[in-house]
Amino acid sequence: MQSEYEACRKVIEQSQRFVLTTHANPDPDGIGSELALARFLVSKGKDAVILNHSATPFNCAFLDPDKKVLQFDPSQHGPIVSLAEAIFVLDANHPDRLESLKPFVLRSSATRVCIDHHPDKADFADLYLIDEQSTATGEILYHLMRFLDKEAMTSAIAEPLYTAIMTDTGSFRFPKTDAEVHRIIADLIDLGVDPASTYEQLYEQGSANRIRLVGQVLRTLQLAHDGRVAYLTVTKPMFEATDTQEEDTENFVTQTLSIRGVEIGLMFTELPQGTKVSFRSKGEVAVNKLAQEFGGNGHKNAAGARLYHRSLSEVIPSVVSRAAHYLI
């Protein structure tokens, strides 16, 4: 990707005002990539503003002690997007995923740069740095920054990159985790990342109510298609009874794949505006293709979809039925 890296170098050199954004309901890869790139740009004397449609999830707050990641307010932040000379869209390759920022990004005269590792990109950017073989957007950014300035990497940049890669590899257990990924991680640790502290901040700061929610959700477990598909359901009454919210369900769906014989794991979450579906799979089962049938997308083994104005009772049988067609 050296030609793309060189093109990105020119964008950075020729621009002063940058806006960085990621997909709605951002994950640690999106947040970590934004913070790492923003800190890199600031170290080069650039102005970088991070604007997201959604608030930062609680488990990523430790990455941003100065609260540089802002939730987008059109009246307050619209002019910032309009005046930007370059807009970086990270960990997303379709403008629909930007939600409220979409119209502002699309009508901006800024150079649009998309950096991502998901398949099926939309045609909206001026420059794409997309590598579907990378484990995370954070991995692409690591290589980009090392290419642009080998000496620019600091502990403040290394921590969010480590977080991005660690989470998107499932703590280094997903299939794309190879020797090169571990070499990158070793470099980031040498720069000062504390793996134990990072893991604790991400996964061991939940509330007691979140554990109560886990208990209720696990009781909904159902198996289908001769035990090859497992699914969980999260309802509004569960959230109300445990005083929890959508972000508290992070990683619940992975429990389904711990069952022997299960190849596809699903979780259906009832939301005020519809139903969220989380898809997980093992091996060669491509759940991103299943997610695409329902307006979603993602990786081969991990994907998601949001079905607006559709109920659990409508969505669950449809998705579970279609899942059978993706079993190998």
Protein backbone atom coordinates (compact mmCIF):
# COMPACT_ATOMS: atom_id res chain seq x y z
CA MET A 1 0.00 0.00 0.00
CA GLN A 2 2.98 2.32 -0.38
CA SER A 3 1.34 4.38 -3.12
CA GLU A 4 -1.69 4.94 -0.87
CA TYR A 5 0.60 5.84 2.02
CA GLU A 6 2.40 8.38 -0.15
CA ALA A 7 -0.92 9.86 -1.24
CA CYS A 8 -1.94 10.11 2.41
CA ARG A 9 1.35 11.84 3.20
CA LYS A 10 0.50 14.53 0.64
CA VAL A 11 -2.97 15.03 2.13
CA ILE A 12 -1.47 15.51 5.58
CA GLU A 13 1.29 17.81 4.38
CA GLN A 14 -1.09 19.98 2.35
CA SER A 15 -3.82 20.29 4.99
CA GLN A 16 -4.03 22.03 8.37
CA ARG A 17 -7.59 21.45 9.60
CA PHE A 18 -8.63 17.81 10.03
CA VAL A 19 -11.85 16.11 11.12
CA LEU A 20 -11.76 12.48 12.16
CA THR A 21 -14.83 10.27 12.55
CA THR A 22 -15.93 6.65 12.78
CA HIS A 23 -19.12 4.60 12.61
CA ALA A 24 -22.11 5.03 14.89
CA ASN A 25 -21.93 3.04 18.13
CA PRO A 26 -18.12 2.99 17.92
CA ASP A 27 -16.02 0.12 19.16
CA PRO A 28 -12.46 0.25 20.55
CA ASP A 29 -10.98 -0.08 17.06
CA GLY A 30 -12.86 2.99 15.88
CA ILE A 31 -12.17 5.07 19.00
CA GLY A 32 -8.56 3.88 19.29
CA SER A 33 -7.84 4.61 15.63
CA GLU A 34 -9.28 8.12 15.91
CA LEU A 35 -7.26 8.99 19.00
CA ALA A 36 -4.02 7.53 17.65
CA LEU A 37 -4.30 9.40 14.34
CA ALA A 38 -5.38 12.65 16.03
CA ARG A 39 -2.37 12.54 18.36
CA PHE A 40 -0.09 11.83 15.40
CA LEU A 41 -1.51 14.80 13.49
CA VAL A 42 -1.23 17.13 16.48
CA SER A 43 2.42 16.10 16.87
CA LYS A 44 2.89 17.41 13.32
CA GLY A 45 1.41 20.77 14.22
CA LYS A 46 -2.00 20.05 12.69
CA ASP A 47 -5.47 20.83 14.05
CA ALA A 48 -7.48 17.64 14.53
CA VAL A 49 -11.05 17.38 15.81
CA ILE A 50 -12.75 14.03 16.49
CA LEU A 51 -16.52 14.04 15.90
CA ASN A 52 -18.73 10.96 16.26
CA HIS A 53 -22.45 10.41 15.91
CA SER A 54 -22.54 8.34 19.11
CA ALA A 55 -21.09 8.89 22.54
CA THR A 56 -17.89 7.09 23.49
CA PRO A 57 -18.66 3.75 25.19
CA PHE A 58 -17.76 3.64 28.86
CA ASN A 59 -15.04 1.01 28.41
CA CYS A 60 -13.13 3.29 26.01
CA ALA A 61 -13.20 6.37 28.23
CA PHE A 62 -9.76 5.56 29.67
CA LEU A 63 -8.22 6.14 26.24
CA ASP A 64 -9.49 9.72 26.19
CA PRO A 65 -8.88 11.33 29.60
CA ASP A 66 -8.96 14.81 28.05
CA LYS A 67 -12.31 14.10 26.36
CA LYS A 68 -11.12 14.96 22.88
CA VAL A 69 -13.72 12.68 21.28
CA LEU A 70 -16.87 14.77 20.83
CA GLN A 71 -20.43 13.68 20.15
CA PHE A 72 -21.59 15.47 17.02
CA ASP A 73 -23.96 18.39 17.43
CA PRO A 74 -24.90 19.75 13.98
CA SER A 75 -25.41 23.32 15.14
CA GLN A 76 -22.15 23.43 17.06
CA HIS A 77 -19.90 21.19 15.00
CA GLY A 78 -21.34 21.51 11.48
CA PRO A 79 -19.14 24.55 10.73
CA ILE A 80 -16.06 22.60 11.85
CA VAL A 81 -16.79 19.93 9.23
CA SER A 82 -17.47 22.59 6.61
CA LEU A 83 -14.11 24.28 7.26
CA ALA A 84 -12.09 21.06 7.36
CA GLU A 85 -9.47 20.60 4.68
CA ALA A 86 -9.29 16.83 5.18
CA ILE A 87 -11.77 14.36 6.68
CA PHE A 88 -10.61 10.92 7.77
CA VAL A 89 -13.30 8.24 8.06
CA LEU A 90 -11.90 5.41 10.17
CA ASP A 91 -13.09 1.83 10.62
CA ALA A 92 -16.04 2.44 8.30
CA ASN A 93 -16.24 2.40 4.53
CA HIS A 94 -19.81 3.52 3.91
CA PRO A 95 -21.22 6.98 4.67
CA ASP A 96 -24.48 5.51 5.96
CA ARG A 97 -22.56 4.28 9.00
CA LEU A 98 -21.78 7.88 9.97
CA GLU A 99 -25.47 8.57 10.68
CA SER A 100 -25.89 12.30 11.50
CA LEU A 101 -22.45 13.21 10.08
CA LYS A 102 -23.19 11.69 6.69
CA PRO A 103 -24.66 14.77 4.94
CA PHE A 104 -21.99 17.05 6.38
CA VAL A 105 -19.18 14.76 5.25
CA LEU A 106 -20.61 14.22 1.78
CA ARG A 107 -21.16 17.90 1.01
CA SER A 108 -17.83 19.02 2.44
CA SER A 109 -15.20 20.25 0.01
CA ALA A 110 -12.50 18.59 2.13
CA THR A 111 -10.38 15.72 0.87
CA ARG A 112 -12.04 12.57 2.17
CA VAL A 113 -9.77 9.71 3.24
CA CYS A 114 -11.20 6.31 4.21
CA ILE A 115 -9.04 3.95 6.28
CA ASP A 116 -10.66 0.60 7.01
CA HIS A 117 -10.36 -3.18 6.98
CA HIS A 118 -13.95 -4.12 6.13
CA PRO A 119 -15.06 -5.42 2.70
CA ASP A 120 -17.55 -3.88 0.27
CA LYS A 121 -16.58 -0.22 0.35
CA ALA A 122 -18.85 2.51 -0.95
CA ASP A 123 -17.66 5.10 -3.46
CA PHE A 124 -17.55 8.31 -1.41
CA ALA A 125 -13.89 9.06 -0.59
CA ASP A 126 -11.05 10.62 -2.55
CA LEU A 127 -8.47 8.24 -1.13
CA TYR A 128 -8.89 4.73 0.27
CA LEU A 129 -6.49 2.88 2.53
CA ILE A 130 -8.35 -0.41 2.81
CA ASP A 131 -6.78 -3.74 3.65
CA GLU A 132 -9.24 -6.54 4.31
CA GLN A 133 -6.39 -8.78 5.48
CA SER A 134 -5.56 -6.48 8.39
CA THR A 135 -6.95 -7.47 11.75
CA ALA A 136 -8.00 -3.93 12.62
CA THR A 137 -8.01 -0.38 11.34
CA GLY A 138 -5.48 0.23 14.10
CA GLU A 139 -3.10 -2.17 12.37
CA ILE A 140 -3.33 -0.21 9.11
CA LEU A 141 -2.67 3.02 11.01
CA TYR A 142 0.36 1.48 12.72
CA HIS A 143 1.93 0.72 9.32
CA LEU A 144 0.92 4.14 7.96
CA MET A 145 2.50 6.02 10.86
CA ARG A 146 5.67 3.96 10.74
CA PHE A 147 5.85 4.73 7.02
CA LEU A 148 5.25 8.47 7.47
CA ASP A 149 7.61 8.95 10.41
CA LYS A 150 9.40 6.07 12.11
CA GLU A 151 10.20 8.21 15.13
CA ALA A 152 6.72 9.66 15.68
CA MET A 153 5.26 6.73 17.60
CA THR A 154 4.81 7.54 21.30
CA SER A 155 3.20 5.75 24.22
CA ALA A 156 0.16 8.04 23.85
CA ILE A 157 -0.26 6.78 20.27
CA ALA A 158 0.71 3.18 21.06
CA GLU A 159 -1.98 2.65 23.71
CA PRO A 160 -5.03 3.29 21.50
CA LEU A 161 -3.44 1.31 18.65
CA TYR A 162 -2.84 -1.64 20.97
CA THR A 163 -6.43 -1.40 22.19
CA ALA A 164 -7.74 -1.32 18.62
CA ILE A 165 -5.79 -4.41 17.57
CA MET A 166 -6.29 -6.36 20.78
CA THR A 167 -10.07 -6.00 20.72
CA ASP A 168 -10.54 -6.65 17.00
CA THR A 169 -8.48 -9.83 17.23
CA GLY A 170 -10.58 -11.08 20.16
CA SER A 171 -7.57 -10.78 22.44
CA PHE A 172 -5.38 -12.33 19.72
CA ARG A 173 -7.48 -15.45 19.16
CA PHE A 174 -9.20 -14.73 15.83
CA PRO A 175 -7.91 -16.42 12.63
CA LYS A 176 -6.11 -13.38 11.17
CA THR A 177 -3.81 -13.14 14.21
CA ASP A 178 -0.40 -14.02 12.82
CA ALA A 179 3.27 -13.52 13.66
CA GLU A 180 3.27 -10.02 12.13
CA VAL A 181 0.46 -8.94 14.46
CA HIS A 182 2.45 -10.14 17.46
CA ARG A 183 5.52 -8.25 16.21
CA ILE A 184 3.42 -5.08 16.06
CA ILE A 185 2.12 -5.75 19.57
CA ALA A 186 5.66 -6.30 20.85
CA ASP A 187 6.66 -2.93 19.42
CA LEU A 188 3.69 -1.22 21.07
CA ILE A 189 4.50 -2.83 24.41
CA ASP A 190 8.10 -1.64 24.06
CA LEU A 191 6.67 1.85 23.65
CA GLY A 192 5.00 1.63 27.04
CA VAL A 193 1.66 -0.14 26.66
CA ASP A 194 0.60 -2.11 29.74
CA PRO A 195 -1.44 -5.13 28.49
CA ALA A 196 -2.79 -6.05 31.93
CA SER A 197 -4.02 -2.52 32.65
CA THR A 198 -5.54 -2.15 29.19
CA TYR A 199 -7.44 -5.43 29.50
CA GLU A 200 -8.70 -4.45 32.94
CA GLN A 201 -9.98 -1.11 31.69
CA LEU A 202 -11.74 -2.70 28.74
CA TYR A 203 -13.23 -5.82 30.27
CA GLU A 204 -13.12 -5.62 34.05
CA GLN A 205 -14.85 -2.32 34.83
CA GLY A 206 -18.45 -3.39 34.33
CA SER A 207 -21.20 -2.90 36.88
CA ALA A 208 -22.89 -5.52 39.03
CA ASN A 209 -26.04 -4.80 37.03
CA ARG A 210 -24.24 -5.85 33.86
CA ILE A 211 -23.61 -9.27 35.41
CA ARG A 212 -27.29 -9.45 36.35
CA LEU A 213 -28.11 -8.70 32.73
CA VAL A 214 -25.77 -11.49 31.59
CA GLY A 215 -27.72 -13.92 33.77
CA GLN A 216 -31.05 -12.93 32.26
CA VAL A 217 -29.73 -13.05 28.70
CA LEU A 218 -28.11 -16.46 29.06
CA ARG A 219 -31.45 -17.89 30.17
CA THR A 220 -32.83 -17.08 26.71
CA LEU A 221 -30.36 -19.39 24.95
CA GLN A 222 -31.88 -21.32 22.05
CA LEU A 223 -30.38 -23.81 19.62
CA ALA A 224 -31.44 -24.35 16.01
CA HIS A 225 -30.47 -26.37 12.96
CA ASP A 226 -29.32 -29.46 14.87
CA GLY A 227 -27.36 -27.42 17.38
CA ARG A 228 -25.24 -25.66 14.79
CA VAL A 229 -26.82 -22.26 15.45
CA ALA A 230 -27.22 -20.72 18.90
CA TYR A 231 -28.91 -17.44 19.73
CA LEU A 232 -29.58 -15.12 22.63
CA THR A 233 -32.22 -12.44 23.09
CA VAL A 234 -32.02 -9.14 24.98
CA THR A 235 -35.31 -7.36 25.65
CA LYS A 236 -36.29 -3.88 26.83
CA PRO A 237 -37.67 -5.28 30.14
CA MET A 238 -34.25 -6.83 30.81
CA PHE A 239 -32.56 -3.46 30.39
CA GLU A 240 -35.17 -1.83 32.63
CA ALA A 241 -34.97 -4.49 35.35
CA THR A 242 -31.17 -4.29 35.55
CA ASP A 243 -30.79 -0.54 34.87
CA THR A 244 -28.47 -1.27 31.92
CA GLN A 245 -28.26 -0.24 28.27
CA GLU A 246 -27.13 -1.45 24.88
CA GLU A 247 -23.41 -0.91 25.46
CA ASP A 248 -23.57 -3.26 28.47
CA THR A 249 -24.19 -6.18 26.09
CA GLU A 250 -20.71 -5.92 24.52
CA ASN A 251 -19.30 -9.41 23.79
CA PHE A 252 -22.36 -11.29 25.13
CA VAL A 253 -22.80 -12.94 21.72
CA THR A 254 -19.40 -14.66 21.95
CA GLN A 255 -20.83 -16.93 24.65
CA THR A 256 -22.76 -18.75 21.94
CA LEU A 257 -19.58 -19.97 20.25
CA SER A 258 -18.38 -21.63 23.46
CA ILE A 259 -20.97 -24.38 22.89
CA ARG A 260 -19.65 -27.53 21.24
CA GLY A 261 -20.97 -27.92 17.71
CA VAL A 262 -22.16 -24.33 17.28
CA GLU A 263 -20.93 -22.72 14.06
CA ILE A 264 -23.07 -19.56 14.06
CA GLY A 265 -23.87 -17.46 17.11
CA LEU A 266 -26.52 -14.74 17.07
CA MET A 267 -27.81 -12.18 19.52
CA PHE A 268 -30.98 -10.16 19.06
CA THR A 269 -31.21 -6.92 21.03
CA GLU A 270 -34.47 -5.02 21.33
CA LEU A 271 -33.87 -1.28 20.99
CA PRO A 272 -36.22 1.72 21.06
CA GLN A 273 -35.90 2.13 17.30
CA GLY A 274 -35.93 -1.53 16.26
CA THR A 275 -33.73 -4.61 16.58
CA LYS A 276 -29.97 -5.04 16.58
CA VAL A 277 -28.51 -8.36 15.41
CA SER A 278 -24.98 -9.48 16.30
CA PHE A 279 -23.49 -12.26 14.16
CA ARG A 280 -20.51 -14.47 15.04
CA SER A 281 -19.15 -17.63 13.43
CA LYS A 282 -16.30 -20.10 13.35
CA GLY A 283 -13.95 -21.07 10.54
CA GLU A 284 -15.17 -20.54 7.00
CA VAL A 285 -18.76 -19.65 7.85
CA ALA A 286 -19.22 -16.15 6.39
CA VAL A 287 -21.73 -14.40 8.63
CA ASN A 288 -20.98 -11.04 7.01
CA LYS A 289 -22.89 -12.34 3.98
CA LEU A 290 -25.79 -13.28 6.25
CA ALA A 291 -25.67 -9.82 7.83
CA GLN A 292 -25.77 -8.21 4.40
CA GLU A 293 -29.14 -9.84 3.74
CA PHE A 294 -30.48 -7.74 6.60
CA GLY A 295 -28.77 -4.46 5.74
CA GLY A 296 -25.65 -5.03 7.83
CA ASN A 297 -22.03 -5.91 7.17
CA GLY A 298 -18.78 -6.73 8.89
CA HIS A 299 -16.08 -9.37 8.83
CA LYS A 300 -16.41 -12.98 7.77
CA ASN A 301 -16.64 -14.17 11.38
CA ALA A 302 -18.08 -11.09 13.08
CA ALA A 303 -20.77 -8.77 11.75
CA GLY A 304 -23.80 -6.75 12.75
CA ALA A 305 -27.04 -5.24 11.49
CA ARG A 306 -29.67 -2.80 12.72
CA LEU A 307 -33.20 -3.31 11.53
CA TYR A 308 -35.16 -0.14 12.19
CA HIS A 309 -38.85 -0.37 13.06
CA ARG A 310 -38.79 -4.18 13.09
CA SER A 311 -39.63 -6.19 16.20
CA LEU A 312 -37.87 -9.14 17.77
CA SER A 313 -40.77 -11.41 16.88
CA GLU A 314 -40.38 -10.44 13.24
CA VAL A 315 -36.59 -10.48 13.02
CA ILE A 316 -35.62 -13.59 14.99
CA PRO A 317 -37.38 -16.24 12.84
CA SER A 318 -36.21 -14.59 9.62
CA VAL A 319 -32.53 -14.44 10.61
CA VAL A 320 -32.46 -17.89 12.21
CA SER A 321 -34.08 -19.40 9.14
CA ARG A 322 -31.60 -17.77 6.76
CA ALA A 323 -28.65 -18.81 8.93
CA ALA A 324 -29.12 -22.40 7.79
CA HIS A 325 -28.07 -21.41 4.27
CA TYR A 326 -24.60 -20.36 5.48
CA LEU A 327 -23.71 -23.50 7.41
CA ILE A 328 -20.98 -25.50 5.72
